[in-house]
Amino acid sequence: MMAQHSKISADDVLRAFAMDFDSGADVLKRYLAEYPEHSAALVDLSRELMREFDDEILPGFDELALVSAGIARLKKNATSVRSLRAAPVKVFTDAIKVLSLPIQVGIAFRERRIEAASLPHQVLAKLAEALQTSTDTLLSFLALPTEATVARARKSAVKPAAPEKVPFERVLRDAGVDDQRISSLLHEE
């Protein structure tokens, strides 16, 4: 059951938990059983949600700073997806060099042709670091619809069809990566 949920980000689990939350322990127990990898964050959030607030007391400097930091983090995440969408292909082809993979793989990432669920966590983490973003932001970017680069559309004699999302393994095979390297990338711990 845990493998089924391993692709769900901590933020998504916490959002769902906050929506389902009630003051009883049943919801927390269910989420802890389903998402043990996020147990510490779930317990922290449940404590936060159970805190009582006095509506007569205005928030202090620390509370306002915490809210401001959270809003800034959300804005940064949105800006990062926007900046990845605007980034030229070279940014992705340079980033993919961290994994010693061919340029075609970088182009597939830029065009969002790779099924995010097929990406090993290590590959995702290394590429996100090379792109100077978070894995959650990179996953959000990859979840967007596919997009052929403008240069590719210009070079075509016929209007190119919208690319489709394919598993990471297929992108590697199409780029000519050897079987041993593919196996090591897909099964890297």
C-alpha atoms as a PDB file:
ATOM      1  CA  MET A   1       0.000   0.000   0.000  1.00  0.00           C
ATOM      2  CA  MET A   2       2.865   2.387   0.742  1.00  0.00           C
ATOM      3  CA  ALA A   3       4.327   1.982  -2.739  1.00  0.00           C
ATOM      4  CA  GLN A   4       0.995   3.114  -4.118  1.00  0.00           C
ATOM      5  CA  HIS A   5       1.301   6.440  -2.246  1.00  0.00           C
ATOM      6  CA  SER A   6       5.058   6.974  -2.648  1.00  0.00           C
ATOM      7  CA  LYS A   7       4.549   9.459  -5.514  1.00  0.00           C
ATOM      8  CA  ILE A   8       2.205  11.684  -3.487  1.00  0.00           C
ATOM      9  CA  SER A   9       4.041  14.710  -2.148  1.00  0.00           C
ATOM     10  CA  ALA A  10       3.987  15.678   1.515  1.00  0.00           C
ATOM     11  CA  ASP A  11       2.210  18.934   0.631  1.00  0.00           C
ATOM     12  CA  ASP A  12      -0.617  17.049  -1.097  1.00  0.00           C
ATOM     13  CA  VAL A  13      -1.008  14.662   1.851  1.00  0.00           C
ATOM     14  CA  LEU A  14      -1.067  17.553   4.335  1.00  0.00           C
ATOM     15  CA  ARG A  15      -3.629  19.488   2.276  1.00  0.00           C
ATOM     16  CA  ALA A  16      -5.906  16.449   2.099  1.00  0.00           C
ATOM     17  CA  PHE A  17      -5.460  15.826   5.835  1.00  0.00           C
ATOM     18  CA  ALA A  18      -6.349  19.443   6.660  1.00  0.00           C
ATOM     19  CA  MET A  19      -9.533  19.118   4.592  1.00  0.00           C
ATOM     20  CA  ASP A  20     -10.520  15.838   6.306  1.00  0.00           C
ATOM     21  CA  PHE A  21      -9.457  16.901   9.797  1.00  0.00           C
ATOM     22  CA  ASP A  22     -11.751  16.668  12.780  1.00  0.00           C
ATOM     23  CA  SER A  23     -10.861  16.785  16.475  1.00  0.00           C
ATOM     24  CA  GLY A  24     -11.109  12.993  16.885  1.00  0.00           C
ATOM     25  CA  ALA A  25      -8.120  10.716  16.424  1.00  0.00           C
ATOM     26  CA  ASP A  26      -9.670   8.547  13.685  1.00  0.00           C
ATOM     27  CA  VAL A  27      -8.643  10.764  10.756  1.00  0.00           C
ATOM     28  CA  LEU A  28      -5.083  11.101  12.066  1.00  0.00           C
ATOM     29  CA  LYS A  29      -4.790   7.316  12.585  1.00  0.00           C
ATOM     30  CA  ARG A  30      -6.036   6.661   9.055  1.00  0.00           C
ATOM     31  CA  TYR A  31      -3.549   9.115   7.492  1.00  0.00           C
ATOM     32  CA  LEU A  32      -0.676   7.783   9.612  1.00  0.00           C
ATOM     33  CA  ALA A  33      -1.482   4.249   8.440  1.00  0.00           C
ATOM     34  CA  GLU A  34      -1.760   5.283   4.779  1.00  0.00           C
ATOM     35  CA  TYR A  35       1.208   7.681   4.696  1.00  0.00           C
ATOM     36  CA  PRO A  36       3.762   6.578   7.312  1.00  0.00           C
ATOM     37  CA  GLU A  37       6.514   8.403   5.416  1.00  0.00           C
ATOM     38  CA  HIS A  38       4.802  11.719   6.312  1.00  0.00           C
ATOM     39  CA  SER A  39       3.979  10.845   9.943  1.00  0.00           C
ATOM     40  CA  ALA A  40       6.003  13.627  11.606  1.00  0.00           C
ATOM     41  CA  ALA A  41       4.442  16.324   9.403  1.00  0.00           C
ATOM     42  CA  LEU A  42       0.944  14.875   9.942  1.00  0.00           C
ATOM     43  CA  VAL A  43       1.339  14.874  13.738  1.00  0.00           C
ATOM     44  CA  ASP A  44       2.671  18.464  13.672  1.00  0.00           C
ATOM     45  CA  LEU A  45      -0.234  19.611  11.504  1.00  0.00           C
ATOM     46  CA  SER A  46      -2.816  17.872  13.696  1.00  0.00           C
ATOM     47  CA  ARG A  47      -1.402  19.620  16.781  1.00  0.00           C
ATOM     48  CA  GLU A  48      -1.545  22.934  14.949  1.00  0.00           C
ATOM     49  CA  LEU A  49      -5.131  22.334  13.855  1.00  0.00           C
ATOM     50  CA  MET A  50      -6.211  21.450  17.413  1.00  0.00           C
ATOM     51  CA  ARG A  51      -4.796  24.641  18.938  1.00  0.00           C
ATOM     52  CA  GLU A  52      -7.420  26.967  20.324  1.00  0.00           C
ATOM     53  CA  PHE A  53      -7.385  30.604  19.341  1.00  0.00           C
ATOM     54  CA  ASP A  54      -8.832  33.625  21.076  1.00  0.00           C
ATOM     55  CA  ASP A  55     -10.479  35.834  18.462  1.00  0.00           C
ATOM     56  CA  GLU A  56     -10.039  38.878  20.690  1.00  0.00           C
ATOM     57  CA  ILE A  57      -6.235  38.753  20.626  1.00  0.00           C
ATOM     58  CA  LEU A  58      -4.569  40.087  17.485  1.00  0.00           C
ATOM     59  CA  PRO A  59      -1.739  38.048  15.969  1.00  0.00           C
ATOM     60  CA  GLY A  60       1.739  38.983  17.136  1.00  0.00           C
ATOM     61  CA  PHE A  61       4.873  39.705  15.187  1.00  0.00           C
ATOM     62  CA  ASP A  62       5.947  36.020  15.157  1.00  0.00           C
ATOM     63  CA  GLU A  63       2.609  34.849  13.768  1.00  0.00           C
ATOM     64  CA  LEU A  64       2.602  37.536  11.068  1.00  0.00           C
ATOM     65  CA  ALA A  65       6.193  36.669  10.117  1.00  0.00           C
ATOM     66  CA  LEU A  66       5.232  32.998   9.843  1.00  0.00           C
ATOM     67  CA  VAL A  67       2.290  33.839   7.568  1.00  0.00           C
ATOM     68  CA  SER A  68       4.496  36.119   5.437  1.00  0.00           C
ATOM     69  CA  ALA A  69       7.107  33.391   5.076  1.00  0.00           C
ATOM     70  CA  GLY A  70       4.430  30.910   3.987  1.00  0.00           C
ATOM     71  CA  ILE A  71       3.031  33.317   1.409  1.00  0.00           C
ATOM     72  CA  ALA A  72       6.534  34.025   0.082  1.00  0.00           C
ATOM     73  CA  ARG A  73       7.150  30.261  -0.267  1.00  0.00           C
ATOM     74  CA  LEU A  74       3.910  29.878  -2.236  1.00  0.00           C
ATOM     75  CA  LYS A  75       4.805  32.800  -4.509  1.00  0.00           C
ATOM     76  CA  LYS A  76       8.294  31.382  -5.076  1.00  0.00           C
ATOM     77  CA  ASN A  77       6.803  28.019  -6.059  1.00  0.00           C
ATOM     78  CA  ALA A  78       4.441  29.667  -8.569  1.00  0.00           C
ATOM     79  CA  THR A  79       7.253  31.785  -9.949  1.00  0.00           C
ATOM     80  CA  SER A  80       9.467  28.736 -10.314  1.00  0.00           C
ATOM     81  CA  VAL A  81       6.921  26.865 -12.445  1.00  0.00           C
ATOM     82  CA  ARG A  82       6.486  30.001 -14.534  1.00  0.00           C
ATOM     83  CA  SER A  83      10.247  30.384 -14.931  1.00  0.00           C
ATOM     84  CA  LEU A  84      10.626  26.712 -15.933  1.00  0.00           C
ATOM     85  CA  ARG A  85       7.949  27.225 -18.592  1.00  0.00           C
ATOM     86  CA  ALA A  86       9.821  30.255 -19.924  1.00  0.00           C
ATOM     87  CA  ALA A  87      13.273  28.656 -19.733  1.00  0.00           C
ATOM     88  CA  PRO A  88      15.001  27.933 -23.033  1.00  0.00           C
ATOM     89  CA  VAL A  89      15.831  24.361 -24.005  1.00  0.00           C
ATOM     90  CA  LYS A  90      19.506  24.985 -23.170  1.00  0.00           C
ATOM     91  CA  VAL A  91      18.663  25.284 -19.462  1.00  0.00           C
ATOM     92  CA  PHE A  92      17.261  21.739 -19.506  1.00  0.00           C
ATOM     93  CA  THR A  93      19.986  20.273 -21.726  1.00  0.00           C
ATOM     94  CA  ASP A  94      22.635  21.751 -19.421  1.00  0.00           C
ATOM     95  CA  ALA A  95      20.830  20.442 -16.329  1.00  0.00           C
ATOM     96  CA  ILE A  96      20.530  16.920 -17.726  1.00  0.00           C
ATOM     97  CA  LYS A  97      24.347  16.768 -17.979  1.00  0.00           C
ATOM     98  CA  VAL A  98      24.361  16.228 -14.192  1.00  0.00           C
ATOM     99  CA  LEU A  99      22.955  12.773 -14.938  1.00  0.00           C
ATOM    100  CA  SER A 100      25.288  12.281 -17.939  1.00  0.00           C
ATOM    101  CA  LEU A 101      22.325  11.816 -20.266  1.00  0.00           C
ATOM    102  CA  PRO A 102      21.913  12.854 -23.918  1.00  0.00           C
ATOM    103  CA  ILE A 103      20.494  16.219 -24.939  1.00  0.00           C
ATOM    104  CA  GLN A 104      17.310  14.528 -26.224  1.00  0.00           C
ATOM    105  CA  VAL A 105      16.397  13.646 -22.617  1.00  0.00           C
ATOM    106  CA  GLY A 106      16.758  17.300 -21.589  1.00  0.00           C
ATOM    107  CA  ILE A 107      14.522  18.309 -24.491  1.00  0.00           C
ATOM    108  CA  ALA A 108      11.914  15.736 -23.399  1.00  0.00           C
ATOM    109  CA  PHE A 109      11.911  17.305 -19.921  1.00  0.00           C
ATOM    110  CA  ARG A 110      11.577  20.816 -21.382  1.00  0.00           C
ATOM    111  CA  GLU A 111       8.645  19.701 -23.547  1.00  0.00           C
ATOM    112  CA  ARG A 112       7.100  17.890 -20.548  1.00  0.00           C
ATOM    113  CA  ARG A 113       6.872  14.635 -22.530  1.00  0.00           C
ATOM    114  CA  ILE A 114       7.913  12.449 -19.587  1.00  0.00           C
ATOM    115  CA  GLU A 115       5.300  10.856 -17.322  1.00  0.00           C
ATOM    116  CA  ALA A 116       6.206  12.182 -13.893  1.00  0.00           C
ATOM    117  CA  ALA A 117       5.063   8.965 -12.189  1.00  0.00           C
ATOM    118  CA  SER A 118       7.695   7.010 -14.143  1.00  0.00           C
ATOM    119  CA  LEU A 119      10.613   9.077 -12.811  1.00  0.00           C
ATOM    120  CA  PRO A 120      12.794   7.565 -10.085  1.00  0.00           C
ATOM    121  CA  HIS A 121      13.071   9.836  -7.036  1.00  0.00           C
ATOM    122  CA  GLN A 122      16.866  10.143  -7.358  1.00  0.00           C
ATOM    123  CA  VAL A 123      16.629  11.311 -10.978  1.00  0.00           C
ATOM    124  CA  LEU A 124      13.920  13.794 -10.068  1.00  0.00           C
ATOM    125  CA  ALA A 125      15.921  15.133  -7.104  1.00  0.00           C
ATOM    126  CA  LYS A 126      19.172  15.510  -9.092  1.00  0.00           C
ATOM    127  CA  LEU A 127      17.446  17.259 -11.984  1.00  0.00           C
ATOM    128  CA  ALA A 128      15.519  19.583  -9.650  1.00  0.00           C
ATOM    129  CA  GLU A 129      18.784  20.511  -7.937  1.00  0.00           C
ATOM    130  CA  ALA A 130      20.463  21.170 -11.296  1.00  0.00           C
ATOM    131  CA  LEU A 131      17.513  23.368 -12.299  1.00  0.00           C
ATOM    132  CA  GLN A 132      17.737  25.120  -8.901  1.00  0.00           C
ATOM    133  CA  THR A 133      14.168  24.278  -7.936  1.00  0.00           C
ATOM    134  CA  SER A 134      12.334  21.855  -5.667  1.00  0.00           C
ATOM    135  CA  THR A 135      11.143  18.395  -6.677  1.00  0.00           C
ATOM    136  CA  ASP A 136       7.551  19.502  -6.018  1.00  0.00           C
ATOM    137  CA  THR A 137       7.987  22.433  -8.413  1.00  0.00           C
ATOM    138  CA  LEU A 138       9.535  20.184 -11.052  1.00  0.00           C
ATOM    139  CA  LEU A 139       6.642  17.708 -10.639  1.00  0.00           C
ATOM    140  CA  SER A 140       4.150  20.574 -10.999  1.00  0.00           C
ATOM    141  CA  PHE A 141       5.933  21.668 -14.174  1.00  0.00           C
ATOM    142  CA  LEU A 142       5.899  18.132 -15.605  1.00  0.00           C
ATOM    143  CA  ALA A 143       2.184  17.798 -14.814  1.00  0.00           C
ATOM    144  CA  LEU A 144       1.410  20.603 -17.278  1.00  0.00           C
ATOM    145  CA  PRO A 145       0.376  19.606 -20.815  1.00  0.00           C
ATOM    146  CA  THR A 146       3.129  18.696 -23.278  1.00  0.00           C
ATOM    147  CA  GLU A 147       4.570  21.430 -25.447  1.00  0.00           C
ATOM    148  CA  ALA A 148       6.748  21.201 -28.548  1.00  0.00           C
ATOM    149  CA  THR A 149       9.492  23.785 -28.701  1.00  0.00           C
ATOM    150  CA  VAL A 150       9.020  26.669 -31.130  1.00  0.00           C
ATOM    151  CA  ALA A 151      12.203  25.766 -33.037  1.00  0.00           C
ATOM    152  CA  ARG A 152      10.909  22.253 -33.665  1.00  0.00           C
ATOM    153  CA  ALA A 153       7.608  23.592 -35.038  1.00  0.00           C
ATOM    154  CA  ARG A 154       9.459  25.976 -37.384  1.00  0.00           C
ATOM    155  CA  LYS A 155      11.677  23.260 -38.840  1.00  0.00           C
ATOM    156  CA  SER A 156       8.754  21.028 -39.741  1.00  0.00           C
ATOM    157  CA  ALA A 157       7.230  21.002 -43.234  1.00  0.00           C
ATOM    158  CA  VAL A 158       3.901  19.908 -41.737  1.00  0.00           C
ATOM    159  CA  LYS A 159       2.284  21.100 -38.557  1.00  0.00           C
ATOM    160  CA  PRO A 160       3.625  18.833 -35.829  1.00  0.00           C
ATOM    161  CA  ALA A 161       1.155  16.966 -33.636  1.00  0.00           C
ATOM    162  CA  ALA A 162       1.192  17.652 -29.918  1.00  0.00           C
ATOM    163  CA  PRO A 163       3.710  15.333 -28.275  1.00  0.00           C
ATOM    164  CA  GLU A 164       2.407  12.705 -25.872  1.00  0.00           C
ATOM    165  CA  LYS A 165       3.662  11.857 -22.410  1.00  0.00           C
ATOM    166  CA  VAL A 166       5.684   8.659 -22.279  1.00  0.00           C
ATOM    167  CA  PRO A 167       7.492   6.707 -19.549  1.00  0.00           C
ATOM    168  CA  PHE A 168      11.011   7.837 -18.639  1.00  0.00           C
ATOM    169  CA  GLU A 169      12.408   4.471 -19.755  1.00  0.00           C
ATOM    170  CA  ARG A 170      11.068   4.996 -23.290  1.00  0.00           C
ATOM    171  CA  VAL A 171      12.659   8.454 -23.493  1.00  0.00           C
ATOM    172  CA  LEU A 172      15.985   6.930 -22.440  1.00  0.00           C
ATOM    173  CA  ARG A 173      15.697   4.125 -25.034  1.00  0.00           C
ATOM    174  CA  ASP A 174      14.706   6.571 -27.788  1.00  0.00           C
ATOM    175  CA  ALA A 175      17.770   8.692 -26.902  1.00  0.00           C
ATOM    176  CA  GLY A 176      20.042   5.673 -27.336  1.00  0.00           C
ATOM    177  CA  VAL A 177      20.976   5.149 -23.680  1.00  0.00           C
ATOM    178  CA  ASP A 178      22.368   1.630 -23.154  1.00  0.00           C
ATOM    179  CA  ASP A 179      20.416  -0.998 -21.190  1.00  0.00           C
ATOM    180  CA  GLN A 180      22.861  -1.127 -18.265  1.00  0.00           C
ATOM    181  CA  ARG A 181      22.662   2.664 -17.743  1.00  0.00           C
ATOM    182  CA  ILE A 182      18.853   2.573 -18.027  1.00  0.00           C
ATOM    183  CA  SER A 183      18.688  -0.184 -15.436  1.00  0.00           C
ATOM    184  CA  SER A 184      20.956   1.707 -13.036  1.00  0.00           C
ATOM    185  CA  LEU A 185      18.902   4.911 -13.420  1.00  0.00           C
ATOM    186  CA  LEU A 186      15.551   3.186 -12.942  1.00  0.00           C
ATOM    187  CA  HIS A 187      16.629   1.096  -9.959  1.00  0.00           C
ATOM    188  CA  GLU A 188      18.858   3.610  -8.171  1.00  0.00           C
ATOM    189  CA  GLU A 189      18.151   3.883  -4.464  1.00  0.00           C
END
